[in-house]
All heavy atoms as atom14 arrays in JSON, in Angstrom:
{
  "sequence": "GTNAAVHLAGAGIGRLLLVDYDTVEERNLNR",
  "atom14_mask": [
    [1, 1, 1, 1, 0, 0, 0, 0, 0, 0, 0, 0, 0, 0],
    [1, 1, 1, 1, 1, 1, 1, 0, 0, 0, 0, 0, 0, 0],
    [1, 1, 1, 1, 1, 1, 1, 1, 0, 0, 0, 0, 0, 0],
    [1, 1, 1, 1, 1, 0, 0, 0, 0, 0, 0, 0, 0, 0],
    [1, 1, 1, 1, 1, 0, 0, 0, 0, 0, 0, 0, 0, 0],
    [1, 1, 1, 1, 1, 1, 1, 0, 0, 0, 0, 0, 0, 0],
    [1, 1, 1, 1, 1, 1, 1, 1, 1, 1, 0, 0, 0, 0],
    [1, 1, 1, 1, 1, 1, 1, 1, 0, 0, 0, 0, 0, 0],
    [1, 1, 1, 1, 1, 0, 0, 0, 0, 0, 0, 0, 0, 0],
    [1, 1, 1, 1, 0, 0, 0, 0, 0, 0, 0, 0, 0, 0],
    [1, 1, 1, 1, 1, 0, 0, 0, 0, 0, 0, 0, 0, 0],
    [1, 1, 1, 1, 0, 0, 0, 0, 0, 0, 0, 0, 0, 0],
    [1, 1, 1, 1, 1, 1, 1, 1, 0, 0, 0, 0, 0, 0],
    [1, 1, 1, 1, 0, 0, 0, 0, 0, 0, 0, 0, 0, 0],
    [1, 1, 1, 1, 1, 1, 1, 1, 1, 1, 1, 0, 0, 0],
    [1, 1, 1, 1, 1, 1, 1, 1, 0, 0, 0, 0, 0, 0],
    [1, 1, 1, 1, 1, 1, 1, 1, 0, 0, 0, 0, 0, 0],
    [1, 1, 1, 1, 1, 1, 1, 1, 0, 0, 0, 0, 0, 0],
    [1, 1, 1, 1, 1, 1, 1, 0, 0, 0, 0, 0, 0, 0],
    [1, 1, 1, 1, 1, 1, 1, 1, 0, 0, 0, 0, 0, 0],
    [1, 1, 1, 1, 1, 1, 1, 1, 1, 1, 1, 1, 0, 0],
    [1, 1, 1, 1, 1, 1, 1, 1, 0, 0, 0, 0, 0, 0],
    [1, 1, 1, 1, 1, 1, 1, 0, 0, 0, 0, 0, 0, 0],
    [1, 1, 1, 1, 1, 1, 1, 0, 0, 0, 0, 0, 0, 0],
    [1, 1, 1, 1, 1, 1, 1, 1, 1, 0, 0, 0, 0, 0],
    [1, 1, 1, 1, 1, 1, 1, 1, 1, 0, 0, 0, 0, 0],
    [1, 1, 1, 1, 1, 1, 1, 1, 1, 1, 1, 0, 0, 0],
    [1, 1, 1, 1, 1, 1, 1, 1, 0, 0, 0, 0, 0, 0],
    [1, 1, 1, 1, 1, 1, 1, 1, 0, 0, 0, 0, 0, 0],
    [1, 1, 1, 1, 1, 1, 1, 1, 0, 0, 0, 0, 0, 0],
    [1, 1, 1, 1, 1, 1, 1, 1, 1, 1, 1, 0, 0, 0]
  ],
  "atom14_positions": [
    [[2.98, 106.91, 278.27], [1.75, 106.54, 278.96], [1.06, 107.71, 279.64], [-0.17, 107.82, 279.62], [0.0, 0.0, 0.0], [0.0, 0.0, 0.0], [0.0, 0.0, 0.0], [0.0, 0.0, 0.0], [0.0, 0.0, 0.0], [0.0, 0.0, 0.0], [0.0, 0.0, 0.0], [0.0, 0.0, 0.0], [0.0, 0.0, 0.0], [0.0, 0.0, 0.0]],
    [[1.84, 108.6, 280.28], [1.23, 109.75, 280.94], [0.53, 110.65, 279.92], [-0.57, 111.15, 280.17], [2.27, 110.57, 281.72], [3.4, 110.84, 280.87], [2.75, 109.83, 282.95], [0.0, 0.0, 0.0], [0.0, 0.0, 0.0], [0.0, 0.0, 0.0], [0.0, 0.0, 0.0], [0.0, 0.0, 0.0], [0.0, 0.0, 0.0], [0.0, 0.0, 0.0]],
    [[1.15, 110.85, 278.78], [0.54, 111.69, 277.75], [-0.71, 111.05, 277.16], [-1.74, 111.71, 277.0], [1.56, 111.99, 276.64], [2.48, 113.13, 277.0], [2.11, 114.29, 276.91], [3.7, 112.8, 277.43], [0.0, 0.0, 0.0], [0.0, 0.0, 0.0], [0.0, 0.0, 0.0], [0.0, 0.0, 0.0], [0.0, 0.0, 0.0], [0.0, 0.0, 0.0]],
    [[-0.64, 109.76, 276.85], [-1.82, 109.08, 276.32], [-2.96, 109.1, 277.33], [-4.12, 109.35, 276.98], [-1.46, 107.63, 275.95], [0.0, 0.0, 0.0], [0.0, 0.0, 0.0], [0.0, 0.0, 0.0], [0.0, 0.0, 0.0], [0.0, 0.0, 0.0], [0.0, 0.0, 0.0], [0.0, 0.0, 0.0], [0.0, 0.0, 0.0], [0.0, 0.0, 0.0]],
    [[-2.63, 108.86, 278.61], [-3.65, 108.82, 279.65], [-4.35, 110.16, 279.83], [-5.58, 110.22, 279.93], [-3.03, 108.37, 280.97], [0.0, 0.0, 0.0], [0.0, 0.0, 0.0], [0.0, 0.0, 0.0], [0.0, 0.0, 0.0], [0.0, 0.0, 0.0], [0.0, 0.0, 0.0], [0.0, 0.0, 0.0], [0.0, 0.0, 0.0], [0.0, 0.0, 0.0]],
    [[-3.58, 111.23, 279.89], [-4.19, 112.53, 280.15], [-5.08, 112.96, 279.0], [-6.14, 113.57, 279.21], [-3.11, 113.6, 280.47], [-2.34, 114.01, 279.22], [-3.74, 114.82, 281.12], [0.0, 0.0, 0.0], [0.0, 0.0, 0.0], [0.0, 0.0, 0.0], [0.0, 0.0, 0.0], [0.0, 0.0, 0.0], [0.0, 0.0, 0.0], [0.0, 0.0, 0.0]],
    [[-4.71, 112.62, 277.77], [-5.55, 113.01, 276.63], [-6.81, 112.17, 276.54], [-7.88, 112.69, 276.17], [-4.74, 112.95, 275.34], [-3.68, 114.0, 275.26], [-3.96, 115.35, 275.3], [-2.32, 113.92, 275.17], [-2.85, 116.05, 275.23], [-1.83, 115.2, 275.16], [0.0, 0.0, 0.0], [0.0, 0.0, 0.0], [0.0, 0.0, 0.0], [0.0, 0.0, 0.0]],
    [[-6.74, 110.9, 276.86], [-7.94, 110.08, 276.85], [-8.88, 110.48, 277.99], [-10.1, 110.56, 277.81], [-7.58, 108.59, 276.96], [-7.01, 107.98, 275.68], [-6.52, 106.56, 275.94], [-8.05, 107.97, 274.55], [0.0, 0.0, 0.0], [0.0, 0.0, 0.0], [0.0, 0.0, 0.0], [0.0, 0.0, 0.0], [0.0, 0.0, 0.0], [0.0, 0.0, 0.0]],
    [[-8.3, 110.74, 279.16], [-9.13, 111.2, 280.28], [-9.75, 112.56, 279.96], [-10.93, 112.8, 280.23], [-8.29, 111.29, 281.56], [0.0, 0.0, 0.0], [0.0, 0.0, 0.0], [0.0, 0.0, 0.0], [0.0, 0.0, 0.0], [0.0, 0.0, 0.0], [0.0, 0.0, 0.0], [0.0, 0.0, 0.0], [0.0, 0.0, 0.0], [0.0, 0.0, 0.0]],
    [[-8.96, 113.44, 279.36], [-9.47, 114.75, 278.99], [-10.6, 114.7, 277.99], [-11.49, 115.54, 277.98], [0.0, 0.0, 0.0], [0.0, 0.0, 0.0], [0.0, 0.0, 0.0], [0.0, 0.0, 0.0], [0.0, 0.0, 0.0], [0.0, 0.0, 0.0], [0.0, 0.0, 0.0], [0.0, 0.0, 0.0], [0.0, 0.0, 0.0], [0.0, 0.0, 0.0]],
    [[-10.56, 113.67, 277.13], [-11.6, 113.5, 276.12], [-12.85, 112.82, 276.69], [-13.85, 112.68, 275.99], [-11.06, 112.69, 274.94], [0.0, 0.0, 0.0], [0.0, 0.0, 0.0], [0.0, 0.0, 0.0], [0.0, 0.0, 0.0], [0.0, 0.0, 0.0], [0.0, 0.0, 0.0], [0.0, 0.0, 0.0], [0.0, 0.0, 0.0], [0.0, 0.0, 0.0]],
    [[-12.77, 112.37, 277.96], [-13.94, 111.81, 278.6], [-14.11, 110.32, 278.48], [-15.25, 109.82, 278.56], [0.0, 0.0, 0.0], [0.0, 0.0, 0.0], [0.0, 0.0, 0.0], [0.0, 0.0, 0.0], [0.0, 0.0, 0.0], [0.0, 0.0, 0.0], [0.0, 0.0, 0.0], [0.0, 0.0, 0.0], [0.0, 0.0, 0.0], [0.0, 0.0, 0.0]],
    [[-13.01, 109.57, 278.31], [-13.14, 108.12, 278.24], [-13.78, 107.6, 279.54], [-13.57, 108.15, 280.62], [-11.77, 107.45, 278.0], [-11.94, 105.97, 277.63], [-10.85, 107.62, 279.21], [-10.66, 105.31, 277.17], [0.0, 0.0, 0.0], [0.0, 0.0, 0.0], [0.0, 0.0, 0.0], [0.0, 0.0, 0.0], [0.0, 0.0, 0.0], [0.0, 0.0, 0.0]],
    [[-14.56, 106.52, 279.42], [-15.29, 106.02, 280.57], [-14.45, 105.3, 281.59], [-14.67, 105.42, 282.8], [0.0, 0.0, 0.0], [0.0, 0.0, 0.0], [0.0, 0.0, 0.0], [0.0, 0.0, 0.0], [0.0, 0.0, 0.0], [0.0, 0.0, 0.0], [0.0, 0.0, 0.0], [0.0, 0.0, 0.0], [0.0, 0.0, 0.0], [0.0, 0.0, 0.0]],
    [[-13.46, 104.54, 281.12], [-12.69, 103.7, 282.05], [-11.25, 103.55, 281.57], [-11.02, 103.31, 280.39], [-13.35, 102.33, 282.16], [-12.71, 101.37, 283.16], [-13.4, 100.02, 283.11], [-12.76, 99.05, 284.0], [-12.8, 97.74, 283.81], [-13.45, 97.22, 282.78], [-12.19, 96.93, 284.65], [0.0, 0.0, 0.0], [0.0, 0.0, 0.0], [0.0, 0.0, 0.0]],
    [[-10.32, 103.67, 282.5], [-8.89, 103.49, 282.21], [-8.28, 102.55, 283.25], [-8.55, 102.67, 284.44], [-8.15, 104.83, 282.28], [-8.16, 105.77, 281.08], [-7.4, 107.05, 281.43], [-7.57, 105.11, 279.85], [0.0, 0.0, 0.0], [0.0, 0.0, 0.0], [0.0, 0.0, 0.0], [0.0, 0.0, 0.0], [0.0, 0.0, 0.0], [0.0, 0.0, 0.0]],
    [[-7.45, 101.64, 282.77], [-6.63, 100.81, 283.66], [-5.18, 101.14, 283.37], [-4.72, 101.02, 282.24], [-6.89, 99.33, 283.43], [-5.95, 98.36, 284.18], [-6.05, 98.56, 285.69], [-6.24, 96.92, 283.79], [0.0, 0.0, 0.0], [0.0, 0.0, 0.0], [0.0, 0.0, 0.0], [0.0, 0.0, 0.0], [0.0, 0.0, 0.0], [0.0, 0.0, 0.0]],
    [[-4.44, 101.58, 284.39], [-3.03, 101.95, 284.26], [-2.18, 100.83, 284.84], [-2.33, 100.47, 286.01], [-2.77, 103.26, 285.01], [-3.71, 104.41, 284.7], [-3.41, 105.59, 285.62], [-3.6, 104.82, 283.24], [0.0, 0.0, 0.0], [0.0, 0.0, 0.0], [0.0, 0.0, 0.0], [0.0, 0.0, 0.0], [0.0, 0.0, 0.0], [0.0, 0.0, 0.0]],
    [[-1.28, 100.3, 284.02], [-0.45, 99.17, 284.43], [1.03, 99.55, 284.33], [1.49, 99.99, 283.28], [-0.71, 97.93, 283.55], [0.17, 96.76, 283.99], [-2.19, 97.54, 283.57], [0.0, 0.0, 0.0], [0.0, 0.0, 0.0], [0.0, 0.0, 0.0], [0.0, 0.0, 0.0], [0.0, 0.0, 0.0], [0.0, 0.0, 0.0], [0.0, 0.0, 0.0]],
    [[1.75, 99.39, 285.43], [3.18, 99.69, 285.42], [3.82, 99.03, 286.65], [3.17, 98.88, 287.69], [3.42, 101.21, 285.47], [4.82, 101.6, 285.06], [5.76, 101.34, 285.82], [4.98, 102.17, 283.96], [0.0, 0.0, 0.0], [0.0, 0.0, 0.0], [0.0, 0.0, 0.0], [0.0, 0.0, 0.0], [0.0, 0.0, 0.0], [0.0, 0.0, 0.0]],
    [[5.07, 98.64, 286.5], [5.79, 98.02, 287.61], [7.11, 98.77, 287.82], [8.18, 98.19, 287.87], [6.04, 96.53, 287.33], [6.52, 95.74, 288.53], [5.74, 95.65, 289.68], [7.74, 95.07, 288.5], [6.18, 94.93, 290.78], [8.18, 94.34, 289.6], [7.4, 94.28, 290.73], [7.83, 93.56, 291.82], [0.0, 0.0, 0.0], [0.0, 0.0, 0.0]],
    [[6.99, 100.08, 287.93], [8.18, 100.91, 288.04], [7.87, 102.09, 288.96], [6.7, 102.43, 289.19], [8.61, 101.41, 286.66], [10.05, 101.89, 286.63], [10.75, 101.74, 287.66], [10.47, 102.41, 285.59], [0.0, 0.0, 0.0], [0.0, 0.0, 0.0], [0.0, 0.0, 0.0], [0.0, 0.0, 0.0], [0.0, 0.0, 0.0], [0.0, 0.0, 0.0]],
    [[8.92, 102.71, 289.46], [8.78, 103.87, 290.33], [9.39, 105.11, 289.66], [10.15, 105.01, 288.69], [9.46, 103.63, 291.68], [10.84, 103.28, 291.46], [8.77, 102.5, 292.44], [0.0, 0.0, 0.0], [0.0, 0.0, 0.0], [0.0, 0.0, 0.0], [0.0, 0.0, 0.0], [0.0, 0.0, 0.0], [0.0, 0.0, 0.0], [0.0, 0.0, 0.0]],
    [[9.03, 106.26, 290.19], [9.5, 107.53, 289.63], [11.0, 107.69, 289.85], [11.51, 107.46, 290.95], [8.75, 108.71, 290.29], [9.3, 110.05, 289.78], [7.25, 108.6, 290.01], [0.0, 0.0, 0.0], [0.0, 0.0, 0.0], [0.0, 0.0, 0.0], [0.0, 0.0, 0.0], [0.0, 0.0, 0.0], [0.0, 0.0, 0.0], [0.0, 0.0, 0.0]],
    [[11.69, 108.1, 288.78], [13.12, 108.4, 288.84], [13.34, 109.84, 288.41], [12.75, 110.3, 287.42], [13.91, 107.48, 287.92], [13.87, 106.01, 288.3], [14.73, 105.17, 287.37], [15.96, 105.38, 287.35], [14.16, 104.32, 286.65], [0.0, 0.0, 0.0], [0.0, 0.0, 0.0], [0.0, 0.0, 0.0], [0.0, 0.0, 0.0], [0.0, 0.0, 0.0]],
    [[14.18, 110.55, 289.12], [14.4, 111.97, 288.82], [14.91, 112.18, 287.4], [14.56, 113.16, 286.74], [15.39, 112.57, 289.83], [15.56, 114.07, 289.69], [16.45, 114.66, 290.77], [16.82, 113.93, 291.71], [16.78, 115.86, 290.66], [0.0, 0.0, 0.0], [0.0, 0.0, 0.0], [0.0, 0.0, 0.0], [0.0, 0.0, 0.0], [0.0, 0.0, 0.0]],
    [[15.71, 111.26, 286.9], [16.3, 111.44, 285.56], [15.26, 111.42, 284.45], [15.53, 111.83, 283.33], [17.34, 110.35, 285.3], [16.77, 108.95, 285.23], [17.81, 107.94, 284.83], [17.24, 106.61, 284.7], [17.84, 105.6, 284.11], [19.04, 105.77, 283.57], [17.26, 104.43, 284.03], [0.0, 0.0, 0.0], [0.0, 0.0, 0.0], [0.0, 0.0, 0.0]],
    [[14.04, 110.9, 284.74], [13.0, 110.82, 283.71], [11.96, 111.93, 283.79], [11.03, 111.98, 282.97], [12.26, 109.47, 283.82], [13.17, 108.3, 283.55], [14.1, 108.4, 282.75], [12.92, 107.19, 284.22], [0.0, 0.0, 0.0], [0.0, 0.0, 0.0], [0.0, 0.0, 0.0], [0.0, 0.0, 0.0], [0.0, 0.0, 0.0], [0.0, 0.0, 0.0]],
    [[12.09, 112.83, 284.74], [11.06, 113.84, 284.97], [10.9, 114.82, 283.82], [9.87, 115.47, 283.69], [11.35, 114.61, 286.27], [11.23, 113.79, 287.56], [11.58, 114.66, 288.76], [9.83, 113.21, 287.71], [0.0, 0.0, 0.0], [0.0, 0.0, 0.0], [0.0, 0.0, 0.0], [0.0, 0.0, 0.0], [0.0, 0.0, 0.0], [0.0, 0.0, 0.0]],
    [[11.91, 114.94, 282.97], [11.8, 115.87, 281.85], [10.64, 115.54, 280.93], [10.06, 116.42, 280.29], [13.1, 115.92, 281.05], [13.34, 114.65, 280.25], [13.33, 113.55, 280.83], [13.54, 114.76, 278.95], [0.0, 0.0, 0.0], [0.0, 0.0, 0.0], [0.0, 0.0, 0.0], [0.0, 0.0, 0.0], [0.0, 0.0, 0.0], [0.0, 0.0, 0.0]],
    [[10.26, 114.26, 280.85], [9.19, 113.88, 279.92], [8.02, 113.18, 280.63], [7.1, 112.72, 279.98], [9.73, 112.97, 278.81], [10.25, 111.64, 279.31], [10.89, 110.84, 278.18], [11.38, 109.56, 278.67], [12.51, 109.37, 279.33], [13.29, 110.42, 279.58], [12.87, 108.18, 279.75], [0.0, 0.0, 0.0], [0.0, 0.0, 0.0], [0.0, 0.0, 0.0]]
  ]
}
């Protein structure tokens, strides 16, 4: 999701809604 979001925002999409029900975990920071 972070990769898809940054590329769509970078391309100038007009509107984004980000949906997630989770918090940041150190073990996932590599990606």
